[in-house]
Amino acid sequence: TGNALQLWIGKCLRCHGQVGAGDGPDGPATGARNRTDDSWQASVSDRRIADSIVQGRGRMPSFPLDPESTRNLVNLV
């Protein structure tokens, strides 16, 4: 299982940036969403975030993590 912060750094930071604003080095090219936006946070369920992580979504690749690591990363998001 992975620590959520380590997972974020290793798998998410390049597109989503340090705090999830979509401003990572590859963020603009991939159209990474701003995960810090309150309206986005209110509109998305933990299940959808988990599904996006494990299965991928749009330009985001899949990251088939174990359930505990996925939960930890969802909680971080």
C-alpha atoms as a PDB file:
ATOM      1  CA  THR A   1       0.000   0.000   0.000  1.00  0.00           C
ATOM      2  CA  GLY A   2       1.111   3.523  -0.571  1.00  0.00           C
ATOM      3  CA  ASN A   3       1.188   6.661   1.458  1.00  0.00           C
ATOM      4  CA  ALA A   4      -1.228   9.140  -0.138  1.00  0.00           C
ATOM      5  CA  LEU A   5       1.327  11.937  -0.383  1.00  0.00           C
ATOM      6  CA  GLN A   6       3.894   9.629  -1.975  1.00  0.00           C
ATOM      7  CA  LEU A   7       1.256   8.419  -4.433  1.00  0.00           C
ATOM      8  CA  TRP A   8       0.298  12.011  -5.266  1.00  0.00           C
ATOM      9  CA  ILE A   9       3.921  12.942  -5.915  1.00  0.00           C
ATOM     10  CA  GLY A  10       4.562   9.847  -8.006  1.00  0.00           C
ATOM     11  CA  LYS A  11       1.341   9.657 -10.005  1.00  0.00           C
ATOM     12  CA  CYS A  12      -0.565  12.943  -9.884  1.00  0.00           C
ATOM     13  CA  LEU A  13       1.765  15.895  -9.429  1.00  0.00           C
ATOM     14  CA  ARG A  14       2.966  16.111 -13.068  1.00  0.00           C
ATOM     15  CA  CYS A  15      -0.536  17.041 -14.197  1.00  0.00           C
ATOM     16  CA  HIS A  16      -2.465  18.156 -11.123  1.00  0.00           C
ATOM     17  CA  GLY A  17       0.353  20.122  -9.443  1.00  0.00           C
ATOM     18  CA  GLN A  18       1.422  20.299  -5.829  1.00  0.00           C
ATOM     19  CA  VAL A  19      -1.981  21.130  -4.386  1.00  0.00           C
ATOM     20  CA  GLY A  20      -4.273  19.872  -7.144  1.00  0.00           C
ATOM     21  CA  ALA A  21      -4.842  23.115  -9.026  1.00  0.00           C
ATOM     22  CA  GLY A  22      -4.109  21.488 -12.402  1.00  0.00           C
ATOM     23  CA  ASP A  23      -0.917  23.488 -12.713  1.00  0.00           C
ATOM     24  CA  GLY A  24       1.668  20.723 -12.849  1.00  0.00           C
ATOM     25  CA  PRO A  25       4.247  20.745 -15.659  1.00  0.00           C
ATOM     26  CA  ASP A  26       1.962  18.615 -17.865  1.00  0.00           C
ATOM     27  CA  GLY A  27      -1.299  20.106 -16.558  1.00  0.00           C
ATOM     28  CA  PRO A  28      -2.091  22.549 -19.363  1.00  0.00           C
ATOM     29  CA  ALA A  29      -1.287  20.020 -22.100  1.00  0.00           C
ATOM     30  CA  THR A  30      -3.511  17.364 -20.533  1.00  0.00           C
ATOM     31  CA  GLY A  31      -6.329  19.677 -19.433  1.00  0.00           C
ATOM     32  CA  ALA A  32      -5.924  18.611 -15.789  1.00  0.00           C
ATOM     33  CA  ARG A  33      -8.788  19.797 -13.615  1.00  0.00           C
ATOM     34  CA  ASN A  34      -8.436  22.138 -10.684  1.00  0.00           C
ATOM     35  CA  ARG A  35      -9.209  19.820  -7.768  1.00  0.00           C
ATOM     36  CA  THR A  36      -9.153  22.761  -5.340  1.00  0.00           C
ATOM     37  CA  ASP A  37     -12.270  24.317  -6.904  1.00  0.00           C
ATOM     38  CA  ASP A  38     -15.106  24.259  -4.353  1.00  0.00           C
ATOM     39  CA  SER A  39     -17.798  23.717  -6.991  1.00  0.00           C
ATOM     40  CA  TRP A  40     -15.921  20.698  -8.394  1.00  0.00           C
ATOM     41  CA  GLN A  41     -15.433  19.283  -4.889  1.00  0.00           C
ATOM     42  CA  ALA A  42     -19.169  19.632  -4.203  1.00  0.00           C
ATOM     43  CA  SER A  43     -20.147  18.014  -7.502  1.00  0.00           C
ATOM     44  CA  VAL A  44     -18.064  14.829  -7.375  1.00  0.00           C
ATOM     45  CA  SER A  45     -18.407  11.758  -5.178  1.00  0.00           C
ATOM     46  CA  ASP A  46     -15.584   9.809  -3.592  1.00  0.00           C
ATOM     47  CA  ARG A  47     -16.671   6.823  -5.716  1.00  0.00           C
ATOM     48  CA  ARG A  48     -16.221   8.810  -8.931  1.00  0.00           C
ATOM     49  CA  ILE A  49     -12.771   9.984  -7.827  1.00  0.00           C
ATOM     50  CA  ALA A  50     -11.788   6.405  -6.959  1.00  0.00           C
ATOM     51  CA  ASP A  51     -13.113   5.119 -10.297  1.00  0.00           C
ATOM     52  CA  SER A  52     -11.166   7.819 -12.155  1.00  0.00           C
ATOM     53  CA  ILE A  53      -7.974   6.871 -10.335  1.00  0.00           C
ATOM     54  CA  VAL A  54      -8.309   3.131 -10.906  1.00  0.00           C
ATOM     55  CA  GLN A  55      -9.883   3.134 -14.394  1.00  0.00           C
ATOM     56  CA  GLY A  56      -8.634   6.433 -15.802  1.00  0.00           C
ATOM     57  CA  ARG A  57     -10.804   9.193 -17.235  1.00  0.00           C
ATOM     58  CA  GLY A  58     -10.352  11.217 -20.403  1.00  0.00           C
ATOM     59  CA  ARG A  59      -6.634  11.877 -20.798  1.00  0.00           C
ATOM     60  CA  MET A  60      -5.893  10.618 -17.301  1.00  0.00           C
ATOM     61  CA  PRO A  61      -4.369   7.132 -17.374  1.00  0.00           C
ATOM     62  CA  SER A  62      -5.502   4.366 -15.055  1.00  0.00           C
ATOM     63  CA  PHE A  63      -3.626   3.674 -11.847  1.00  0.00           C
ATOM     64  CA  PRO A  64      -4.834   0.246 -10.643  1.00  0.00           C
ATOM     65  CA  LEU A  65      -3.943   0.713  -6.987  1.00  0.00           C
ATOM     66  CA  ASP A  66      -4.960  -1.549  -4.130  1.00  0.00           C
ATOM     67  CA  PRO A  67      -8.173  -0.490  -2.321  1.00  0.00           C
ATOM     68  CA  GLU A  68      -6.405   1.016   0.701  1.00  0.00           C
ATOM     69  CA  SER A  69      -4.082   3.136  -1.435  1.00  0.00           C
ATOM     70  CA  THR A  70      -7.022   4.267  -3.568  1.00  0.00           C
ATOM     71  CA  ARG A  71      -8.995   5.287  -0.446  1.00  0.00           C
ATOM     72  CA  ASN A  72      -5.992   7.181   0.913  1.00  0.00           C
ATOM     73  CA  LEU A  73      -5.553   9.060  -2.350  1.00  0.00           C
ATOM     74  CA  VAL A  74      -9.279   9.843  -2.580  1.00  0.00           C
ATOM     75  CA  ASN A  75      -9.139  11.268   0.945  1.00  0.00           C
ATOM     76  CA  LEU A  76      -6.199  13.440  -0.058  1.00  0.00           C
ATOM     77  CA  VAL A  77      -8.119  14.763  -3.086  1.00  0.00           C
END
